[in-house]
N, C-alpha and C. Protein backbone atom coordinates (compact mmCIF):
# COMPACT_ATOMS: atom_id res chain seq x y z
N MET A 1 0.84 -1.17 0.00
CA MET A 1 0.00 0.00 0.00
C MET A 1 0.88 1.23 0.00
N THR A 2 0.53 2.19 -0.79
CA THR A 2 1.29 3.42 -0.84
C THR A 2 0.51 4.53 -0.15
N GLY A 3 1.23 5.53 0.33
CA GLY A 3 0.58 6.65 1.00
C GLY A 3 0.12 6.29 2.40
N GLU A 4 -0.43 7.28 3.06
CA GLU A 4 -0.90 7.07 4.42
C GLU A 4 -2.33 6.56 4.41
N LEU A 5 -2.71 5.93 5.52
CA LEU A 5 -4.09 5.52 5.69
C LEU A 5 -4.99 6.74 5.73
N ARG A 6 -6.20 6.57 5.28
CA ARG A 6 -7.17 7.64 5.43
C ARG A 6 -7.33 7.93 6.92
N PRO A 7 -7.47 9.18 7.30
CA PRO A 7 -7.58 9.52 8.73
C PRO A 7 -8.75 8.83 9.43
N ASP A 8 -9.88 8.67 8.75
CA ASP A 8 -11.02 8.01 9.39
C ASP A 8 -10.72 6.54 9.66
N ARG A 9 -10.09 5.88 8.69
CA ARG A 9 -9.72 4.47 8.85
C ARG A 9 -8.64 4.31 9.92
N HIS A 10 -7.67 5.21 9.90
CA HIS A 10 -6.60 5.15 10.89
C HIS A 10 -7.18 5.26 12.31
N ALA A 11 -8.11 6.19 12.53
CA ALA A 11 -8.72 6.36 13.85
C ALA A 11 -9.48 5.10 14.26
N LEU A 12 -10.19 4.49 13.32
CA LEU A 12 -10.92 3.26 13.65
C LEU A 12 -9.97 2.12 13.98
N LEU A 13 -8.87 2.01 13.24
CA LEU A 13 -7.88 0.97 13.54
C LEU A 13 -7.27 1.17 14.93
N GLU A 14 -6.94 2.42 15.25
CA GLU A 14 -6.40 2.72 16.58
C GLU A 14 -7.43 2.42 17.66
N LEU A 15 -8.68 2.78 17.41
CA LEU A 15 -9.74 2.53 18.37
C LEU A 15 -9.93 1.03 18.58
N ALA A 16 -9.91 0.26 17.52
CA ALA A 16 -10.02 -1.19 17.64
C ALA A 16 -8.87 -1.76 18.48
N ALA A 17 -7.67 -1.27 18.24
CA ALA A 17 -6.51 -1.75 19.01
C ALA A 17 -6.66 -1.40 20.49
N LEU A 18 -7.14 -0.20 20.78
CA LEU A 18 -7.35 0.21 22.17
C LEU A 18 -8.43 -0.63 22.83
N LEU A 19 -9.53 -0.88 22.13
CA LEU A 19 -10.59 -1.70 22.70
C LEU A 19 -10.13 -3.12 22.93
N ASN A 20 -9.26 -3.63 22.06
CA ASN A 20 -8.68 -4.96 22.30
C ASN A 20 -7.82 -4.95 23.56
N GLN A 21 -7.07 -3.89 23.78
CA GLN A 21 -6.26 -3.78 25.00
C GLN A 21 -7.15 -3.68 26.24
N ILE A 22 -8.23 -2.91 26.14
CA ILE A 22 -9.16 -2.80 27.26
C ILE A 22 -9.77 -4.16 27.56
N ALA A 23 -10.16 -4.89 26.54
CA ALA A 23 -10.73 -6.23 26.75
C ALA A 23 -9.71 -7.17 27.38
N ALA A 24 -8.46 -7.08 26.96
CA ALA A 24 -7.42 -7.92 27.55
C ALA A 24 -7.22 -7.57 29.03
N MET A 25 -7.19 -6.28 29.33
CA MET A 25 -7.06 -5.87 30.74
C MET A 25 -8.26 -6.33 31.54
N ARG A 26 -9.45 -6.18 30.97
CA ARG A 26 -10.67 -6.62 31.64
C ARG A 26 -10.58 -8.10 31.98
N ASP A 27 -10.11 -8.89 31.03
CA ASP A 27 -10.04 -10.33 31.21
C ASP A 27 -8.97 -10.75 32.21
N GLU A 28 -8.04 -9.86 32.52
CA GLU A 28 -7.00 -10.13 33.52
C GLU A 28 -7.47 -9.81 34.93
N GLY A 29 -8.65 -9.26 35.07
CA GLY A 29 -9.12 -8.85 36.39
C GLY A 29 -10.60 -9.10 36.55
N ASP A 30 -11.13 -8.47 37.57
CA ASP A 30 -12.55 -8.54 37.87
C ASP A 30 -12.89 -7.32 38.71
N ALA A 31 -14.13 -7.25 39.18
CA ALA A 31 -14.56 -6.08 39.95
C ALA A 31 -13.72 -5.91 41.22
N ALA A 32 -13.35 -7.01 41.85
CA ALA A 32 -12.55 -6.92 43.08
C ALA A 32 -11.17 -6.32 42.78
N ARG A 33 -10.56 -6.75 41.70
CA ARG A 33 -9.26 -6.19 41.33
C ARG A 33 -9.41 -4.72 40.96
N PHE A 34 -10.46 -4.38 40.23
CA PHE A 34 -10.70 -3.00 39.86
C PHE A 34 -10.80 -2.12 41.11
N ASP A 35 -11.51 -2.60 42.11
CA ASP A 35 -11.67 -1.84 43.35
C ASP A 35 -10.37 -1.74 44.14
N ALA A 36 -9.57 -2.79 44.15
CA ALA A 36 -8.41 -2.86 45.03
C ALA A 36 -7.10 -2.38 44.41
N ASP A 37 -6.97 -2.47 43.10
CA ASP A 37 -5.68 -2.23 42.44
C ASP A 37 -5.71 -0.89 41.72
N ARG A 38 -5.12 0.13 42.34
CA ARG A 38 -5.13 1.47 41.76
C ARG A 38 -4.43 1.52 40.42
N ARG A 39 -3.34 0.79 40.25
CA ARG A 39 -2.60 0.79 38.98
C ARG A 39 -3.45 0.19 37.85
N TYR A 40 -4.12 -0.90 38.13
CA TYR A 40 -5.01 -1.54 37.16
C TYR A 40 -6.10 -0.56 36.72
N ARG A 41 -6.70 0.10 37.69
CA ARG A 41 -7.75 1.09 37.42
C ARG A 41 -7.20 2.25 36.60
N TRP A 42 -6.00 2.73 36.96
CA TRP A 42 -5.37 3.86 36.27
C TRP A 42 -5.09 3.51 34.81
N VAL A 43 -4.60 2.30 34.55
CA VAL A 43 -4.32 1.90 33.17
C VAL A 43 -5.63 1.86 32.36
N LEU A 44 -6.69 1.32 32.95
CA LEU A 44 -7.97 1.31 32.25
C LEU A 44 -8.45 2.73 31.98
N HIS A 45 -8.29 3.63 32.94
CA HIS A 45 -8.65 5.04 32.72
C HIS A 45 -7.92 5.58 31.50
N ARG A 46 -6.62 5.37 31.44
CA ARG A 46 -5.82 5.92 30.36
C ARG A 46 -6.18 5.32 29.01
N LEU A 47 -6.50 4.03 28.99
CA LEU A 47 -6.93 3.41 27.74
C LEU A 47 -8.26 3.99 27.27
N TRP A 48 -9.19 4.23 28.18
CA TRP A 48 -10.46 4.84 27.80
C TRP A 48 -10.27 6.28 27.33
N ILE A 49 -9.36 7.01 27.94
CA ILE A 49 -9.07 8.37 27.47
C ILE A 49 -8.56 8.32 26.03
N ALA A 50 -7.64 7.41 25.76
CA ALA A 50 -7.11 7.27 24.40
C ALA A 50 -8.22 6.85 23.43
N ALA A 51 -9.12 5.99 23.85
CA ALA A 51 -10.24 5.58 23.00
C ALA A 51 -11.13 6.78 22.67
N GLY A 52 -11.37 7.62 23.65
CA GLY A 52 -12.16 8.83 23.40
C GLY A 52 -11.47 9.78 22.45
N ASN A 53 -10.14 9.85 22.54
CA ASN A 53 -9.39 10.68 21.60
C ASN A 53 -9.56 10.17 20.17
N GLU A 54 -9.54 8.85 20.00
CA GLU A 54 -9.71 8.27 18.66
C GLU A 54 -11.14 8.44 18.16
N ALA A 55 -12.12 8.40 19.06
CA ALA A 55 -13.50 8.67 18.66
C ALA A 55 -13.62 10.09 18.12
N LEU A 56 -13.00 11.03 18.81
CA LEU A 56 -12.99 12.42 18.34
C LEU A 56 -12.27 12.52 17.00
N ALA A 57 -11.13 11.85 16.86
CA ALA A 57 -10.37 11.89 15.61
C ALA A 57 -11.21 11.33 14.45
N HIS A 58 -11.92 10.25 14.71
CA HIS A 58 -12.74 9.66 13.66
C HIS A 58 -13.88 10.60 13.26
N ALA A 59 -14.59 11.12 14.25
CA ALA A 59 -15.70 12.03 13.95
C ALA A 59 -15.20 13.24 13.17
N THR A 60 -14.07 13.78 13.58
CA THR A 60 -13.49 14.93 12.88
C THR A 60 -13.12 14.56 11.44
N ALA A 61 -12.54 13.38 11.26
CA ALA A 61 -12.10 12.95 9.93
C ALA A 61 -13.27 12.76 8.97
N ILE A 62 -14.44 12.40 9.49
CA ILE A 62 -15.59 12.22 8.60
C ILE A 62 -16.47 13.46 8.56
N GLY A 63 -16.03 14.53 9.23
CA GLY A 63 -16.75 15.79 9.18
C GLY A 63 -18.02 15.82 10.00
N LEU A 64 -18.04 15.03 11.07
CA LEU A 64 -19.21 14.92 11.92
C LEU A 64 -18.90 15.50 13.30
N PRO A 65 -19.78 16.31 13.86
CA PRO A 65 -19.55 16.73 15.25
C PRO A 65 -19.52 15.49 16.14
N VAL A 66 -18.60 15.45 17.08
CA VAL A 66 -18.41 14.25 17.89
C VAL A 66 -19.69 13.85 18.65
N ARG A 67 -20.53 14.81 18.95
CA ARG A 67 -21.75 14.49 19.68
C ARG A 67 -22.93 14.15 18.77
N ALA A 68 -22.71 14.14 17.47
CA ALA A 68 -23.80 13.86 16.53
C ALA A 68 -24.16 12.38 16.48
N GLU A 69 -23.27 11.51 16.87
CA GLU A 69 -23.51 10.07 16.82
C GLU A 69 -23.21 9.50 18.19
N ARG A 70 -24.11 8.68 18.70
CA ARG A 70 -24.03 8.20 20.09
C ARG A 70 -22.71 7.49 20.42
N THR A 71 -22.23 6.64 19.53
CA THR A 71 -20.99 5.90 19.82
C THR A 71 -19.85 6.85 20.12
N TRP A 72 -19.66 7.84 19.23
CA TRP A 72 -18.54 8.77 19.41
C TRP A 72 -18.78 9.67 20.61
N ALA A 73 -20.03 10.10 20.80
CA ALA A 73 -20.36 10.97 21.93
C ALA A 73 -20.11 10.28 23.26
N ASN A 74 -20.52 9.02 23.38
CA ASN A 74 -20.31 8.30 24.64
C ASN A 74 -18.83 8.13 24.96
N LEU A 75 -18.06 7.75 23.95
CA LEU A 75 -16.61 7.58 24.18
C LEU A 75 -15.96 8.92 24.51
N TYR A 76 -16.37 9.96 23.83
CA TYR A 76 -15.81 11.29 24.07
C TYR A 76 -16.20 11.81 25.46
N ASP A 77 -17.45 11.58 25.86
CA ASP A 77 -17.88 12.01 27.20
C ASP A 77 -17.12 11.26 28.29
N LEU A 78 -16.93 9.95 28.13
CA LEU A 78 -16.15 9.21 29.12
C LEU A 78 -14.73 9.75 29.16
N ARG A 79 -14.15 10.00 28.01
CA ARG A 79 -12.79 10.56 27.94
C ARG A 79 -12.72 11.87 28.71
N ASN A 80 -13.70 12.75 28.47
CA ASN A 80 -13.69 14.04 29.16
C ASN A 80 -13.81 13.87 30.67
N HIS A 81 -14.69 12.98 31.09
CA HIS A 81 -14.85 12.73 32.53
C HIS A 81 -13.54 12.26 33.15
N LEU A 82 -12.88 11.31 32.50
CA LEU A 82 -11.65 10.76 33.07
C LEU A 82 -10.49 11.75 32.98
N ALA A 83 -10.40 12.47 31.89
CA ALA A 83 -9.26 13.37 31.68
C ALA A 83 -9.37 14.65 32.49
N HIS A 84 -10.57 15.05 32.84
CA HIS A 84 -10.74 16.36 33.47
C HIS A 84 -11.26 16.30 34.90
N SER A 85 -11.33 15.11 35.46
CA SER A 85 -11.77 14.98 36.85
C SER A 85 -10.60 14.61 37.74
N ARG A 86 -10.67 15.06 38.96
CA ARG A 86 -9.70 14.60 39.95
C ARG A 86 -10.02 13.14 40.24
N LEU A 87 -9.02 12.36 40.58
CA LEU A 87 -9.23 10.93 40.82
C LEU A 87 -10.36 10.65 41.81
N PRO A 88 -10.46 11.40 42.92
CA PRO A 88 -11.56 11.09 43.85
C PRO A 88 -12.95 11.39 43.27
N ASP A 89 -13.01 12.19 42.21
CA ASP A 89 -14.29 12.58 41.63
C ASP A 89 -14.73 11.71 40.45
N ILE A 90 -13.91 10.75 40.06
CA ILE A 90 -14.23 9.88 38.93
C ILE A 90 -15.34 8.91 39.31
N ASP A 91 -16.29 8.76 38.42
CA ASP A 91 -17.37 7.80 38.59
C ASP A 91 -16.84 6.42 38.19
N GLU A 92 -16.32 5.69 39.17
CA GLU A 92 -15.71 4.39 38.87
C GLU A 92 -16.74 3.36 38.41
N ALA A 93 -17.98 3.50 38.85
CA ALA A 93 -19.02 2.59 38.38
C ALA A 93 -19.23 2.76 36.87
N LEU A 94 -19.12 3.98 36.39
CA LEU A 94 -19.23 4.24 34.95
C LEU A 94 -18.08 3.58 34.20
N VAL A 95 -16.89 3.71 34.73
CA VAL A 95 -15.71 3.08 34.09
C VAL A 95 -15.87 1.57 34.07
N MET A 96 -16.35 1.01 35.17
CA MET A 96 -16.57 -0.45 35.22
C MET A 96 -17.61 -0.88 34.20
N ARG A 97 -18.71 -0.13 34.08
CA ARG A 97 -19.75 -0.49 33.11
C ARG A 97 -19.19 -0.46 31.69
N PHE A 98 -18.44 0.57 31.38
CA PHE A 98 -17.84 0.64 30.04
C PHE A 98 -16.88 -0.52 29.83
N THR A 99 -16.08 -0.83 30.84
CA THR A 99 -15.06 -1.87 30.70
C THR A 99 -15.68 -3.26 30.56
N TRP A 100 -16.64 -3.58 31.41
CA TRP A 100 -17.17 -4.94 31.41
C TRP A 100 -18.37 -5.11 30.48
N ALA A 101 -19.16 -4.09 30.27
CA ALA A 101 -20.37 -4.27 29.47
C ALA A 101 -20.28 -3.65 28.07
N ARG A 102 -19.44 -2.66 27.88
CA ARG A 102 -19.46 -1.92 26.62
C ARG A 102 -18.27 -2.20 25.70
N ALA A 103 -17.14 -2.64 26.25
CA ALA A 103 -15.95 -2.82 25.41
C ALA A 103 -16.20 -3.80 24.26
N GLY A 104 -16.83 -4.93 24.55
CA GLY A 104 -17.10 -5.92 23.50
C GLY A 104 -18.02 -5.40 22.42
N PRO A 105 -19.21 -4.87 22.78
CA PRO A 105 -20.10 -4.32 21.76
C PRO A 105 -19.47 -3.16 20.97
N LEU A 106 -18.70 -2.32 21.64
CA LEU A 106 -18.02 -1.24 20.93
C LEU A 106 -17.03 -1.80 19.91
N LEU A 107 -16.28 -2.80 20.30
CA LEU A 107 -15.33 -3.41 19.37
C LEU A 107 -16.05 -4.01 18.17
N GLU A 108 -17.19 -4.65 18.40
CA GLU A 108 -17.98 -5.19 17.28
C GLU A 108 -18.43 -4.07 16.35
N THR A 109 -18.88 -2.96 16.91
CA THR A 109 -19.30 -1.82 16.10
C THR A 109 -18.14 -1.30 15.26
N ILE A 110 -16.97 -1.14 15.89
CA ILE A 110 -15.81 -0.60 15.18
C ILE A 110 -15.37 -1.56 14.08
N CYS A 111 -15.34 -2.85 14.38
CA CYS A 111 -14.95 -3.82 13.35
C CYS A 111 -15.95 -3.84 12.19
N GLY A 112 -17.24 -3.66 12.50
CA GLY A 112 -18.24 -3.56 11.45
C GLY A 112 -18.01 -2.35 10.56
N LEU A 113 -17.69 -1.21 11.19
CA LEU A 113 -17.40 -0.01 10.41
C LEU A 113 -16.16 -0.22 9.53
N LEU A 114 -15.13 -0.83 10.10
CA LEU A 114 -13.91 -1.08 9.33
C LEU A 114 -14.18 -1.98 8.13
N SER A 115 -14.99 -3.00 8.34
CA SER A 115 -15.25 -3.94 7.23
C SER A 115 -16.11 -3.31 6.14
N SER A 116 -16.83 -2.25 6.47
CA SER A 116 -17.67 -1.60 5.46
C SER A 116 -16.93 -0.52 4.67
N LEU A 117 -15.73 -0.18 5.10
CA LEU A 117 -14.96 0.86 4.40
C LEU A 117 -14.36 0.28 3.13
N PRO A 118 -14.29 1.12 2.10
CA PRO A 118 -13.66 0.65 0.85
C PRO A 118 -12.17 0.45 1.01
């Protein structure tokens, strides 16, 4: 392949890679580890922040406001919450829900979008 990847495709590929990392981290722990292990929780926070950055990059690349589509808006809102809140103010239940209940469906959505691109 010559040239760079299209920015929209590149953002989706990065997002898929991040969601795979989140799923791997999720599978290495459970709710008890999430509650007890600050480093584990911190890494998941940072991965979700990066995922939100890629959601913004994708929306921007396709000329869509990030809040115009629920998938990108949810990832961007979680990113903002994690990136701009003090650690004691973070809604850890929200992070857990995204990690355990949303990572898989989000990855399926992203892979579906990737497979539909020319």
